């Protein structure tokens, strides 16, 4: 990664929420607790990428042991390379194709058009 990007990521955290929810819901919860200037992006499952733009605000949060954020997250840790997500589950909705036309190869081709790799869970 570029040094500039790594420097920016030093002001970022990874938080685990108590339940699976979307980014909008988490943003609303944070705003309700007065943390509206924090930007969150869902990573996977219950984990969120938390961006704190202001260095001073990040320092206040850190000094308080992330206390304010603990209203929304059960665990919070500074971002590190070990927190990187290497895969993400996505749903693609396709309409108008008869069910009998679907098979693994068709699904794989559609997914690959969107840049996804198909994984079979057994």
PDB file of N, CA and C in Angstrom:
ATOM      1  N   UNK A   1       0.851  -1.186   0.000  1.00  0.00           N
ATOM      2  CA  UNK A   1       0.000   0.000   0.000  1.00  0.00           C
ATOM      3  C   UNK A   1       0.894   1.246   0.000  1.00  0.00           C
ATOM      4  N   UNK A   2       0.364   2.305  -0.530  1.00  0.00           N
ATOM      5  CA  UNK A   2       1.109   3.542  -0.562  1.00  0.00           C
ATOM      6  C   UNK A   2       1.222   4.116   0.838  1.00  0.00           C
ATOM      7  N   UNK A   3       2.325   4.851   1.102  1.00  0.00           N
ATOM      8  CA  UNK A   3       2.554   5.435   2.421  1.00  0.00           C
ATOM      9  C   UNK A   3       1.450   6.418   2.804  1.00  0.00           C
ATOM     10  N   UNK A   4       0.976   7.206   1.821  1.00  0.00           N
ATOM     11  CA  UNK A   4      -0.076   8.182   2.100  1.00  0.00           C
ATOM     12  C   UNK A   4      -1.359   7.488   2.562  1.00  0.00           C
ATOM     13  N   UNK A   5      -1.696   6.378   1.913  1.00  0.00           N
ATOM     14  CA  UNK A   5      -2.897   5.631   2.284  1.00  0.00           C
ATOM     15  C   UNK A   5      -2.738   5.045   3.684  1.00  0.00           C
ATOM     16  N   UNK A   6      -1.565   4.505   3.982  1.00  0.00           N
ATOM     17  CA  UNK A   6      -1.323   3.962   5.318  1.00  0.00           C
ATOM     18  C   UNK A   6      -1.416   5.053   6.374  1.00  0.00           C
ATOM     19  N   UNK A   7      -0.947   6.246   6.057  1.00  0.00           N
ATOM     20  CA  UNK A   7      -1.038   7.367   6.993  1.00  0.00           C
ATOM     21  C   UNK A   7      -2.500   7.715   7.274  1.00  0.00           C
ATOM     22  N   UNK A   8      -3.323   7.730   6.229  1.00  0.00           N
ATOM     23  CA  UNK A   8      -4.753   8.020   6.405  1.00  0.00           C
ATOM     24  C   UNK A   8      -5.439   6.932   7.221  1.00  0.00           C
ATOM     25  N   UNK A   9      -5.039   5.692   7.026  1.00  0.00           N
ATOM     26  CA  UNK A   9      -5.668   4.581   7.743  1.00  0.00           C
ATOM     27  C   UNK A   9      -5.327   4.577   9.230  1.00  0.00           C
ATOM     28  N   UNK A  10      -4.319   5.344   9.640  1.00  0.00           N
ATOM     29  CA  UNK A  10      -3.996   5.452  11.064  1.00  0.00           C
ATOM     30  C   UNK A  10      -5.117   6.127  11.842  1.00  0.00           C
ATOM     31  N   UNK A  11      -5.975   6.873  11.151  1.00  0.00           N
ATOM     32  CA  UNK A  11      -7.125   7.515  11.804  1.00  0.00           C
ATOM     33  C   UNK A  11      -8.389   6.684  11.632  1.00  0.00           C
ATOM     34  N   UNK A  12      -8.224   5.402  11.368  1.00  0.00           N
ATOM     35  CA  UNK A  12      -9.374   4.531  11.153  1.00  0.00           C
ATOM     36  C   UNK A  12      -9.375   3.399  12.170  1.00  0.00           C
ATOM     37  N   UNK A  13     -10.567   2.912  12.415  1.00  0.00           N
ATOM     38  CA  UNK A  13     -10.782   1.844  13.380  1.00  0.00           C
ATOM     39  C   UNK A  13     -11.592   0.743  12.730  1.00  0.00           C
ATOM     40  N   UNK A  14     -11.634  -0.396  13.381  1.00  0.00           N
ATOM     41  CA  UNK A  14     -12.523  -1.482  12.986  1.00  0.00           C
ATOM     42  C   UNK A  14     -13.364  -1.805  14.207  1.00  0.00           C
ATOM     43  N   UNK A  15     -14.681  -1.761  14.025  1.00  0.00           N
ATOM     44  CA  UNK A  15     -15.585  -2.045  15.129  1.00  0.00           C
ATOM     45  C   UNK A  15     -16.478  -3.232  14.823  1.00  0.00           C
ATOM     46  N   UNK A  16     -16.777  -4.003  15.854  1.00  0.00           N
ATOM     47  CA  UNK A  16     -17.691  -5.136  15.720  1.00  0.00           C
ATOM     48  C   UNK A  16     -18.988  -4.781  16.425  1.00  0.00           C
ATOM     49  N   UNK A  17     -20.090  -4.854  15.693  1.00  0.00           N
ATOM     50  CA  UNK A  17     -21.391  -4.531  16.276  1.00  0.00           C
ATOM     51  C   UNK A  17     -21.999  -5.778  16.924  1.00  0.00           C
ATOM     52  N   UNK A  18     -23.009  -5.563  17.738  1.00  0.00           N
ATOM     53  CA  UNK A  18     -23.649  -6.689  18.422  1.00  0.00           C
ATOM     54  C   UNK A  18     -24.482  -7.528  17.476  1.00  0.00           C
ATOM     55  N   UNK A  19     -24.931  -6.933  16.379  1.00  0.00           N
ATOM     56  CA  UNK A  19     -25.744  -7.672  15.414  1.00  0.00           C
ATOM     57  C   UNK A  19     -25.380  -7.221  14.004  1.00  0.00           C
ATOM     58  N   UNK A  20     -25.803  -7.986  13.031  1.00  0.00           N
ATOM     59  CA  UNK A  20     -25.567  -7.620  11.638  1.00  0.00           C
ATOM     60  C   UNK A  20     -26.554  -6.517  11.276  1.00  0.00           C
ATOM     61  N   UNK A  21     -26.043  -5.407  10.778  1.00  0.00           N
ATOM     62  CA  UNK A  21     -26.918  -4.319  10.322  1.00  0.00           C
ATOM     63  C   UNK A  21     -26.227  -3.616   9.163  1.00  0.00           C
ATOM     64  N   UNK A  22     -26.981  -2.787   8.457  1.00  0.00           N
ATOM     65  CA  UNK A  22     -26.401  -2.114   7.305  1.00  0.00           C
ATOM     66  C   UNK A  22     -25.746  -0.793   7.716  1.00  0.00           C
ATOM     67  N   UNK A  23     -25.037  -0.191   6.782  1.00  0.00           N
ATOM     68  CA  UNK A  23     -24.307   1.046   7.045  1.00  0.00           C
ATOM     69  C   UNK A  23     -25.250   2.168   7.452  1.00  0.00           C
ATOM     70  N   UNK A  24     -26.392   2.262   6.794  1.00  0.00           N
ATOM     71  CA  UNK A  24     -27.350   3.337   7.109  1.00  0.00           C
ATOM     72  C   UNK A  24     -27.830   3.241   8.550  1.00  0.00           C
ATOM     73  N   UNK A  25     -28.174   2.037   8.987  1.00  0.00           N
ATOM     74  CA  UNK A  25     -28.643   1.839  10.362  1.00  0.00           C
ATOM     75  C   UNK A  25     -27.558   2.202  11.368  1.00  0.00           C
ATOM     76  N   UNK A  26     -26.320   1.801  11.080  1.00  0.00           N
ATOM     77  CA  UNK A  26     -25.225   2.116  11.988  1.00  0.00           C
ATOM     78  C   UNK A  26     -24.968   3.616  12.033  1.00  0.00           C
ATOM     79  N   UNK A  27     -25.034   4.277  10.874  1.00  0.00           N
ATOM     80  CA  UNK A  27     -24.853   5.731  10.828  1.00  0.00           C
ATOM     81  C   UNK A  27     -25.926   6.423  11.659  1.00  0.00           C
ATOM     82  N   UNK A  28     -27.169   5.966  11.562  1.00  0.00           N
ATOM     83  CA  UNK A  28     -28.259   6.542  12.353  1.00  0.00           C
ATOM     84  C   UNK A  28     -28.018   6.350  13.848  1.00  0.00           C
ATOM     85  N   UNK A  29     -27.546   5.170  14.247  1.00  0.00           N
ATOM     86  CA  UNK A  29     -27.245   4.911  15.659  1.00  0.00           C
ATOM     87  C   UNK A  29     -26.151   5.844  16.157  1.00  0.00           C
ATOM     88  N   UNK A  30     -25.090   6.004  15.373  1.00  0.00           N
ATOM     89  CA  UNK A  30     -23.998   6.886  15.776  1.00  0.00           C
ATOM     90  C   UNK A  30     -24.461   8.330  15.904  1.00  0.00           C
ATOM     91  N   UNK A  31     -25.283   8.773  14.966  1.00  0.00           N
ATOM     92  CA  UNK A  31     -25.811  10.132  15.007  1.00  0.00           C
ATOM     93  C   UNK A  31     -26.651  10.337  16.261  1.00  0.00           C
ATOM     94  N   UNK A  32     -27.433   9.336  16.624  1.00  0.00           N
ATOM     95  CA  UNK A  32     -28.275   9.410  17.826  1.00  0.00           C
ATOM     96  C   UNK A  32     -27.422   9.610  19.083  1.00  0.00           C
ATOM     97  N   UNK A  33     -26.224   9.061  19.087  1.00  0.00           N
ATOM     98  CA  UNK A  33     -25.321   9.201  20.231  1.00  0.00           C
ATOM     99  C   UNK A  33     -24.388  10.400  20.090  1.00  0.00           C
ATOM    100  N   UNK A  34     -24.637  11.259  19.092  1.00  0.00           N
ATOM    101  CA  UNK A  34     -23.829  12.460  18.904  1.00  0.00           C
ATOM    102  C   UNK A  34     -22.512  12.217  18.190  1.00  0.00           C
ATOM    103  N   UNK A  35     -22.416  11.138  17.446  1.00  0.00           N
ATOM    104  CA  UNK A  35     -21.183  10.792  16.750  1.00  0.00           C
ATOM    105  C   UNK A  35     -21.364  10.864  15.236  1.00  0.00           C
ATOM    106  N   UNK A  36     -22.167  11.806  14.778  1.00  0.00           N
ATOM    107  CA  UNK A  36     -22.519  11.908  13.363  1.00  0.00           C
ATOM    108  C   UNK A  36     -21.377  12.229  12.433  1.00  0.00           C
ATOM    109  N   UNK A  37     -20.272  12.797  12.957  1.00  0.00           N
ATOM    110  CA  UNK A  37     -19.147  13.143  12.085  1.00  0.00           C
ATOM    111  C   UNK A  37     -18.257  11.947  11.770  1.00  0.00           C
ATOM    112  N   UNK A  38     -18.551  10.807  12.375  1.00  0.00           N
ATOM    113  CA  UNK A  38     -17.801   9.580  12.105  1.00  0.00           C
ATOM    114  C   UNK A  38     -18.416   8.880  10.896  1.00  0.00           C
ATOM    115  N   UNK A  39     -17.574   8.411   9.990  1.00  0.00           N
ATOM    116  CA  UNK A  39     -18.031   7.732   8.786  1.00  0.00           C
ATOM    117  C   UNK A  39     -17.827   6.226   8.969  1.00  0.00           C
ATOM    118  N   UNK A  40     -18.866   5.450   8.696  1.00  0.00           N
ATOM    119  CA  UNK A  40     -18.755   4.001   8.811  1.00  0.00           C
ATOM    120  C   UNK A  40     -19.073   3.341   7.476  1.00  0.00           C
ATOM    121  N   UNK A  41     -18.385   2.250   7.214  1.00  0.00           N
ATOM    122  CA  UNK A  41     -18.626   1.415   6.032  1.00  0.00           C
ATOM    123  C   UNK A  41     -18.627  -0.026   6.516  1.00  0.00           C
ATOM    124  N   UNK A  42     -19.606  -0.779   6.088  1.00  0.00           N
ATOM    125  CA  UNK A  42     -19.684  -2.185   6.490  1.00  0.00           C
ATOM    126  C   UNK A  42     -18.617  -2.973   5.757  1.00  0.00           C
ATOM    127  N   UNK A  43     -17.862  -3.768   6.511  1.00  0.00           N
ATOM    128  CA  UNK A  43     -16.802  -4.584   5.906  1.00  0.00           C
ATOM    129  C   UNK A  43     -17.339  -5.967   5.564  1.00  0.00           C
ATOM    130  N   UNK A  44     -17.763  -6.684   6.574  1.00  0.00           N
ATOM    131  CA  UNK A  44     -18.340  -8.015   6.391  1.00  0.00           C
ATOM    132  C   UNK A  44     -18.969  -8.413   7.710  1.00  0.00           C
ATOM    133  N   UNK A  45     -20.022  -9.193   7.630  1.00  0.00           N
ATOM    134  CA  UNK A  45     -20.683  -9.646   8.856  1.00  0.00           C
ATOM    135  C   UNK A  45     -21.028  -8.503   9.776  1.00  0.00           C
ATOM    136  N   UNK A  46     -20.514  -8.572  10.993  1.00  0.00           N
ATOM    137  CA  UNK A  46     -20.793  -7.533  11.989  1.00  0.00           C
ATOM    138  C   UNK A  46     -19.677  -6.503  12.102  1.00  0.00           C
ATOM    139  N   UNK A  47     -18.721  -6.503  11.174  1.00  0.00           N
ATOM    140  CA  UNK A  47     -17.569  -5.615  11.265  1.00  0.00           C
ATOM    141  C   UNK A  47     -17.738  -4.382  10.384  1.00  0.00           C
ATOM    142  N   UNK A  48     -17.342  -3.239  10.945  1.00  0.00           N
ATOM    143  CA  UNK A  48     -17.443  -1.958  10.257  1.00  0.00           C
ATOM    144  C   UNK A  48     -16.097  -1.268  10.247  1.00  0.00           C
ATOM    145  N   UNK A  49     -15.809  -0.599   9.145  1.00  0.00           N
ATOM    146  CA  UNK A  49     -14.646   0.276   9.006  1.00  0.00           C
ATOM    147  C   UNK A  49     -15.099   1.637   9.508  1.00  0.00           C
ATOM    148  N   UNK A  50     -14.393   2.213  10.458  1.00  0.00           N
ATOM    149  CA  UNK A  50     -14.782   3.472  11.091  1.00  0.00           C
ATOM    150  C   UNK A  50     -13.721   4.517  10.774  1.00  0.00           C
ATOM    151  N   UNK A  51     -14.130   5.598  10.107  1.00  0.00           N
ATOM    152  CA  UNK A  51     -13.192   6.650   9.733  1.00  0.00           C
ATOM    153  C   UNK A  51     -13.467   7.888  10.574  1.00  0.00           C
ATOM    154  N   UNK A  52     -12.432   8.343  11.257  1.00  0.00           N
ATOM    155  CA  UNK A  52     -12.507   9.560  12.061  1.00  0.00           C
ATOM    156  C   UNK A  52     -11.636  10.585  11.355  1.00  0.00           C
ATOM    157  N   UNK A  53     -12.249  11.578  10.735  1.00  0.00           N
ATOM    158  CA  UNK A  53     -11.512  12.535   9.906  1.00  0.00           C
ATOM    159  C   UNK A  53     -10.638  13.490  10.716  1.00  0.00           C
ATOM    160  N   UNK A  54     -11.090  13.877  11.886  1.00  0.00           N
ATOM    161  CA  UNK A  54     -10.396  14.866  12.703  1.00  0.00           C
ATOM    162  C   UNK A  54      -9.405  14.181  13.653  1.00  0.00           C
ATOM    163  N   UNK A  55      -8.124  14.551  13.552  1.00  0.00           N
ATOM    164  CA  UNK A  55      -7.093  13.938  14.390  1.00  0.00           C
ATOM    165  C   UNK A  55      -7.330  14.196  15.873  1.00  0.00           C
ATOM    166  N   UNK A  56      -7.773  15.410  16.214  1.00  0.00           N
ATOM    167  CA  UNK A  56      -8.033  15.741  17.620  1.00  0.00           C
ATOM    168  C   UNK A  56      -9.177  14.897  18.173  1.00  0.00           C
ATOM    169  N   UNK A  57     -10.215  14.728  17.382  1.00  0.00           N
ATOM    170  CA  UNK A  57     -11.361  13.915  17.808  1.00  0.00           C
ATOM    171  C   UNK A  57     -10.940  12.460  17.994  1.00  0.00           C
ATOM    172  N   UNK A  58     -10.077  11.981  17.110  1.00  0.00           N
ATOM    173  CA  UNK A  58      -9.554  10.615  17.226  1.00  0.00           C
ATOM    174  C   UNK A  58      -8.791  10.465  18.537  1.00  0.00           C
ATOM    175  N   UNK A  59      -8.001  11.485  18.887  1.00  0.00           N
ATOM    176  CA  UNK A  59      -7.232  11.437  20.133  1.00  0.00           C
ATOM    177  C   UNK A  59      -8.148  11.428  21.355  1.00  0.00           C
ATOM    178  N   UNK A  60      -9.232  12.205  21.319  1.00  0.00           N
ATOM    179  CA  UNK A  60     -10.198  12.218  22.424  1.00  0.00           C
ATOM    180  C   UNK A  60     -10.848  10.841  22.570  1.00  0.00           C
ATOM    181  N   UNK A  61     -11.251  10.258  21.461  1.00  0.00           N
ATOM    182  CA  UNK A  61     -11.839   8.918  21.503  1.00  0.00           C
ATOM    183  C   UNK A  61     -10.854   7.906  22.086  1.00  0.00           C
ATOM    184  N   UNK A  62      -9.605   7.999  21.643  1.00  0.00           N
ATOM    185  CA  UNK A  62      -8.568   7.070  22.101  1.00  0.00           C
ATOM    186  C   UNK A  62      -8.321   7.226  23.606  1.00  0.00           C
ATOM    187  N   UNK A  63      -8.235   8.469  24.082  1.00  0.00           N
ATOM    188  CA  UNK A  63      -7.996   8.722  25.503  1.00  0.00           C
ATOM    189  C   UNK A  63      -9.135   8.199  26.379  1.00  0.00           C
ATOM    190  N   UNK A  64     -10.340   8.178  25.820  1.00  0.00           N
ATOM    191  CA  UNK A  64     -11.504   7.672  26.556  1.00  0.00           C
ATOM    192  C   UNK A  64     -11.739   6.185  26.304  1.00  0.00           C
ATOM    193  N   UNK A  65     -10.714   5.501  25.796  1.00  0.00           N
ATOM    194  CA  UNK A  65     -10.786   4.071  25.514  1.00  0.00           C
ATOM    195  C   UNK A  65     -11.986   3.739  24.630  1.00  0.00           C
ATOM    196  N   UNK A  66     -12.229   4.588  23.640  1.00  0.00           N
ATOM    197  CA  UNK A  66     -13.298   4.415  22.650  1.00  0.00           C
ATOM    198  C   UNK A  66     -14.685   4.403  23.306  1.00  0.00           C
ATOM    199  N   UNK A  67     -14.783   4.945  24.520  1.00  0.00           N
ATOM    200  CA  UNK A  67     -16.020   4.894  25.313  1.00  0.00           C
ATOM    201  C   UNK A  67     -17.280   5.282  24.562  1.00  0.00           C
ATOM    202  N   UNK A  68     -17.232   6.372  23.811  1.00  0.00           N
ATOM    203  CA  UNK A  68     -18.420   6.814  23.084  1.00  0.00           C
ATOM    204  C   UNK A  68     -18.832   5.795  22.030  1.00  0.00           C
ATOM    205  N   UNK A  69     -17.854   5.201  21.383  1.00  0.00           N
ATOM    206  CA  UNK A  69     -18.151   4.224  20.333  1.00  0.00           C
ATOM    207  C   UNK A  69     -18.690   2.916  20.898  1.00  0.00           C
ATOM    208  N   UNK A  70     -18.422   2.653  22.170  1.00  0.00           N
ATOM    209  CA  UNK A  70     -18.884   1.406  22.782  1.00  0.00           C
ATOM    210  C   UNK A  70     -20.397   1.375  22.954  1.00  0.00           C
ATOM    211  N   UNK A  71     -21.050   2.493  22.673  1.00  0.00           N
ATOM    212  CA  UNK A  71     -22.516   2.515  22.649  1.00  0.00           C
ATOM    213  C   UNK A  71     -23.044   1.728  21.450  1.00  0.00           C
ATOM    214  N   UNK A  72     -22.220   1.608  20.413  1.00  0.00           N
ATOM    215  CA  UNK A  72     -22.636   0.950  19.173  1.00  0.00           C
ATOM    216  C   UNK A  72     -21.833  -0.301  18.834  1.00  0.00           C
ATOM    217  N   UNK A  73     -20.645  -0.436  19.390  1.00  0.00           N
ATOM    218  CA  UNK A  73     -19.769  -1.546  19.036  1.00  0.00           C
ATOM    219  C   UNK A  73     -19.332  -2.310  20.278  1.00  0.00           C
ATOM    220  N   UNK A  74     -19.235  -3.635  20.158  1.00  0.00           N
ATOM    221  CA  UNK A  74     -18.789  -4.436  21.300  1.00  0.00           C
ATOM    222  C   UNK A  74     -17.263  -4.530  21.355  1.00  0.00           C
ATOM    223  N   UNK A  75     -16.612  -4.318  20.226  1.00  0.00           N
ATOM    224  CA  UNK A  75     -15.147  -4.259  20.233  1.00  0.00           C
ATOM    225  C   UNK A  75     -14.698  -3.229  19.210  1.00  0.00           C
ATOM    226  N   UNK A  76     -13.635  -2.520  19.558  1.00  0.00           N
ATOM    227  CA  UNK A  76     -13.076  -1.496  18.690  1.00  0.00           C
ATOM    228  C   UNK A  76     -11.563  -1.635  18.748  1.00  0.00           C
ATOM    229  N   UNK A  77     -10.936  -1.622  17.586  1.00  0.00           N
ATOM    230  CA  UNK A  77      -9.481  -1.660  17.560  1.00  0.00           C
ATOM    231  C   UNK A  77      -8.985  -0.810  16.399  1.00  0.00           C
ATOM    232  N   UNK A  78      -7.790  -0.254  16.535  1.00  0.00           N
ATOM    233  CA  UNK A  78      -7.231   0.516  15.423  1.00  0.00           C
ATOM    234  C   UNK A  78      -7.079  -0.374  14.194  1.00  0.00           C
ATOM    235  N   UNK A  79      -7.259   0.226  13.018  1.00  0.00           N
ATOM    236  CA  UNK A  79      -7.104  -0.524  11.781  1.00  0.00           C
ATOM    237  C   UNK A  79      -5.664  -1.006  11.669  1.00  0.00           C
ATOM    238  N   UNK A  80      -5.492  -2.199  11.147  1.00  0.00           N
ATOM    239  CA  UNK A  80      -4.164  -2.725  10.833  1.00  0.00           C
ATOM    240  C   UNK A  80      -4.307  -3.599   9.596  1.00  0.00           C
ATOM    241  N   UNK A  81      -3.210  -3.994   9.020  1.00  0.00           N
ATOM    242  CA  UNK A  81      -3.257  -4.813   7.812  1.00  0.00           C
ATOM    243  C   UNK A  81      -3.974  -6.135   8.054  1.00  0.00           C
ATOM    244  N   UNK A  82      -3.953  -6.625   9.300  1.00  0.00           N
ATOM    245  CA  UNK A  82      -4.636  -7.891   9.583  1.00  0.00           C
ATOM    246  C   UNK A  82      -6.156  -7.744   9.513  1.00  0.00           C
ATOM    247  N   UNK A  83      -6.652  -6.512   9.517  1.00  0.00           N
ATOM    248  CA  UNK A  83      -8.092  -6.268   9.444  1.00  0.00           C
ATOM    249  C   UNK A  83      -8.615  -6.204   8.019  1.00  0.00           C
ATOM    250  N   UNK A  84      -7.731  -6.305   7.037  1.00  0.00           N
ATOM    251  CA  UNK A  84      -8.153  -6.180   5.641  1.00  0.00           C
ATOM    252  C   UNK A  84      -9.089  -7.319   5.263  1.00  0.00           C
ATOM    253  N   UNK A  85     -10.129  -6.992   4.525  1.00  0.00           N
ATOM    254  CA  UNK A  85     -11.091  -7.979   4.044  1.00  0.00           C
ATOM    255  C   UNK A  85     -10.638  -8.426   2.664  1.00  0.00           C
ATOM    256  N   UNK A  86     -10.510  -9.716   2.491  1.00  0.00           N
ATOM    257  CA  UNK A  86     -10.068 -10.220   1.190  1.00  0.00           C
ATOM    258  C   UNK A  86     -11.239 -10.722   0.353  1.00  0.00           C
ATOM    259  N   UNK A  87     -12.417 -10.857   0.963  1.00  0.00           N
ATOM    260  CA  UNK A  87     -13.590 -11.275   0.206  1.00  0.00           C
ATOM    261  C   UNK A  87     -14.840 -10.696   0.835  1.00  0.00           C
ATOM    262  N   UNK A  88     -15.876 -10.625   0.051  1.00  0.00           N
ATOM    263  CA  UNK A  88     -17.143 -10.092   0.520  1.00  0.00           C
ATOM    264  C   UNK A  88     -18.256 -10.846  -0.180  1.00  0.00           C
ATOM    265  N   UNK A  89     -19.281 -11.204   0.568  1.00  0.00           N
ATOM    266  CA  UNK A  89     -20.427 -11.897   0.009  1.00  0.00           C
ATOM    267  C   UNK A  89     -21.379 -10.862  -0.583  1.00  0.00           C
ATOM    268  N   UNK A  90     -21.871 -11.106  -1.773  1.00  0.00           N
ATOM    269  CA  UNK A  90     -22.812 -10.200  -2.428  1.00  0.00           C
ATOM    270  C   UNK A  90     -23.924 -11.008  -3.067  1.00  0.00           C
ATOM    271  N   UNK A  91     -25.080 -10.378  -3.173  1.00  0.00           N
ATOM    272  CA  UNK A  91     -26.217 -10.981  -3.858  1.00  0.00           C
ATOM    273  C   UNK A  91     -26.441 -10.239  -5.153  1.00  0.00           C
ATOM    274  N   UNK A  92     -26.708 -10.986  -6.206  1.00  0.00           N
ATOM    275  CA  UNK A  92     -27.064 -10.399  -7.493  1.00  0.00           C
ATOM    276  C   UNK A  92     -28.476 -10.866  -7.799  1.00  0.00           C
ATOM    277  N   UNK A  93     -29.360  -9.915  -8.034  1.00  0.00           N
ATOM    278  CA  UNK A  93     -30.740 -10.273  -8.355  1.00  0.00           C
ATOM    279  C   UNK A  93     -30.935 -10.161  -9.865  1.00  0.00           C
ATOM    280  N   UNK A  94     -31.409 -11.234 -10.456  1.00  0.00           N
ATOM    281  CA  UNK A  94     -31.640 -11.272 -11.896  1.00  0.00           C
ATOM    282  C   UNK A  94     -33.096 -11.658 -12.111  1.00  0.00           C
ATOM    283  N   UNK A  95     -33.797 -10.883 -12.917  1.00  0.00           N
ATOM    284  CA  UNK A  95     -35.208 -11.154 -13.179  1.00  0.00           C
ATOM    285  C   UNK A  95     -35.420 -11.563 -14.633  1.00  0.00           C
ATOM    286  N   UNK A  96     -36.465 -12.335 -14.867  1.00  0.00           N
ATOM    287  CA  UNK A  96     -36.888 -12.646 -16.220  1.00  0.00           C
ATOM    288  C   UNK A  96     -36.261 -13.877 -16.852  1.00  0.00           C
ATOM    289  N   UNK A  97     -35.464 -14.605 -16.100  1.00  0.00           N
ATOM    290  CA  UNK A  97     -34.865 -15.821 -16.651  1.00  0.00           C
ATOM    291  C   UNK A  97     -35.582 -17.012 -16.038  1.00  0.00           C
ATOM    292  N   UNK A  98     -36.166 -17.878 -16.852  1.00  0.00           N
ATOM    293  CA  UNK A  98     -36.892 -19.039 -16.313  1.00  0.00           C
ATOM    294  C   UNK A  98     -35.981 -19.921 -15.456  1.00  0.00           C
ATOM    295  N   UNK A  99     -36.547 -20.444 -14.410  1.00  0.00           N
ATOM    296  CA  UNK A  99     -35.786 -21.252 -13.458  1.00  0.00           C
ATOM    297  C   UNK A  99     -35.101 -22.433 -14.131  1.00  0.00           C
ATOM    298  N   UNK A 100     -35.764 -23.060 -15.100  1.00  0.00           N
ATOM    299  CA  UNK A 100     -35.169 -24.240 -15.736  1.00  0.00           C
ATOM    300  C   UNK A 100     -33.927 -23.901 -16.583  1.00  0.00           C
ATOM    301  N   UNK A 101     -33.671 -22.610 -16.831  1.00  0.00           N
ATOM    302  CA  UNK A 101     -32.491 -22.200 -17.592  1.00  0.00           C
ATOM    303  C   UNK A 101     -31.262 -22.019 -16.707  1.00  0.00           C
ATOM    304  N   UNK A 102     -31.465 -22.046 -15.400  1.00  0.00           N
ATOM    305  CA  UNK A 102     -30.346 -21.818 -14.493  1.00  0.00           C
ATOM    306  C   UNK A 102     -29.583 -23.095 -14.223  1.00  0.00           C
ATOM    307  N   UNK A 103     -28.271 -22.966 -14.252  1.00  0.00           N
ATOM    308  CA  UNK A 103     -27.368 -24.028 -13.824  1.00  0.00           C
ATOM    309  C   UNK A 103     -26.101 -23.343 -13.326  1.00  0.00           C
ATOM    310  N   UNK A 104     -25.180 -24.102 -12.823  1.00  0.00           N
ATOM    311  CA  UNK A 104     -23.978 -23.510 -12.236  1.00  0.00           C
ATOM    312  C   UNK A 104     -23.212 -22.653 -13.235  1.00  0.00           C
ATOM    313  N   UNK A 105     -23.034 -23.131 -14.446  1.00  0.00           N
ATOM    314  CA  UNK A 105     -22.262 -22.381 -15.449  1.00  0.00           C
ATOM    315  C   UNK A 105     -22.914 -21.041 -15.779  1.00  0.00           C
ATOM    316  N   UNK A 106     -24.249 -21.026 -15.900  1.00  0.00           N
ATOM    317  CA  UNK A 106     -24.957 -19.771 -16.186  1.00  0.00           C
ATOM    318  C   UNK A 106     -24.752 -18.786 -15.041  1.00  0.00           C
ATOM    319  N   UNK A 107     -24.936 -19.258 -13.827  1.00  0.00           N
ATOM    320  CA  UNK A 107     -24.756 -18.394 -12.658  1.00  0.00           C
ATOM    321  C   UNK A 107     -23.328 -17.859 -12.592  1.00  0.00           C
ATOM    322  N   UNK A 108     -22.376 -18.722 -12.856  1.00  0.00           N
ATOM    323  CA  UNK A 108     -20.969 -18.321 -12.816  1.00  0.00           C
ATOM    324  C   UNK A 108     -20.688 -17.235 -13.851  1.00  0.00           C
ATOM    325  N   UNK A 109     -21.218 -17.389 -15.069  1.00  0.00           N
ATOM    326  CA  UNK A 109     -20.999 -16.377 -16.116  1.00  0.00           C
ATOM    327  C   UNK A 109     -21.612 -15.031 -15.742  1.00  0.00           C
ATOM    328  N   UNK A 110     -22.812 -15.051 -15.178  1.00  0.00           N
ATOM    329  CA  UNK A 110     -23.455 -13.798 -14.759  1.00  0.00           C
ATOM    330  C   UNK A 110     -22.632 -13.133 -13.660  1.00  0.00           C
ATOM    331  N   UNK A 111     -22.207 -13.905 -12.669  1.00  0.00           N
ATOM    332  CA  UNK A 111     -21.418 -13.352 -11.564  1.00  0.00           C
ATOM    333  C   UNK A 111     -20.098 -12.772 -12.071  1.00  0.00           C
ATOM    334  N   UNK A 112     -19.461 -13.447 -13.001  1.00  0.00           N
ATOM    335  CA  UNK A 112     -18.184 -12.969 -13.526  1.00  0.00           C
ATOM    336  C   UNK A 112     -18.339 -11.672 -14.308  1.00  0.00           C
ATOM    337  N   UNK A 113     -19.507 -11.432 -14.913  1.00  0.00           N
ATOM    338  CA  UNK A 113     -19.752 -10.158 -15.591  1.00  0.00           C
ATOM    339  C   UNK A 113     -19.648  -8.986 -14.625  1.00  0.00           C
ATOM    340  N   UNK A 114     -19.968  -9.236 -13.358  1.00  0.00           N
ATOM    341  CA  UNK A 114     -19.918  -8.202 -12.324  1.00  0.00           C
ATOM    342  C   UNK A 114     -18.599  -8.228 -11.554  1.00  0.00           C
ATOM    343  N   UNK A 115     -17.670  -9.101 -11.959  1.00  0.00           N
ATOM    344  CA  UNK A 115     -16.366  -9.166 -11.315  1.00  0.00           C
ATOM    345  C   UNK A 115     -16.319 -10.018 -10.068  1.00  0.00           C
ATOM    346  N   UNK A 116     -17.331 -10.886  -9.868  1.00  0.00           N
ATOM    347  CA  UNK A 116     -17.367 -11.745  -8.695  1.00  0.00           C
ATOM    348  C   UNK A 116     -16.816 -13.122  -9.014  1.00  0.00           C
ATOM    349  N   UNK A 117     -16.206 -13.724  -8.011  1.00  0.00           N
ATOM    350  CA  UNK A 117     -15.806 -15.129  -8.111  1.00  0.00           C
ATOM    351  C   UNK A 117     -16.892 -15.961  -7.442  1.00  0.00           C
ATOM    352  N   UNK A 118     -17.219 -17.084  -8.025  1.00  0.00           N
ATOM    353  CA  UNK A 118     -18.262 -17.942  -7.475  1.00  0.00           C
ATOM    354  C   UNK A 118     -17.619 -18.983  -6.582  1.00  0.00           C
ATOM    355  N   UNK A 119     -18.145 -19.087  -5.359  1.00  0.00           N
ATOM    356  CA  UNK A 119     -17.665 -20.071  -4.396  1.00  0.00           C
ATOM    357  C   UNK A 119     -18.842 -20.937  -3.999  1.00  0.00           C
ATOM    358  N   UNK A 120     -18.651 -22.239  -3.975  1.00  0.00           N
ATOM    359  CA  UNK A 120     -19.714 -23.151  -3.570  1.00  0.00           C
ATOM    360  C   UNK A 120     -19.485 -23.530  -2.127  1.00  0.00           C
ATOM    361  N   UNK A 121     -20.504 -23.320  -1.298  1.00  0.00           N
ATOM    362  CA  UNK A 121     -20.446 -23.713   0.101  1.00  0.00           C
ATOM    363  C   UNK A 121     -21.120 -25.062   0.260  1.00  0.00           C
ATOM    364  N   UNK A 122     -20.419 -25.998   0.843  1.00  0.00           N
ATOM    365  CA  UNK A 122     -20.996 -27.329   1.047  1.00  0.00           C
ATOM    366  C   UNK A 122     -21.144 -27.630   2.499  1.00  0.00           C
TER     367      UNK A 122
END
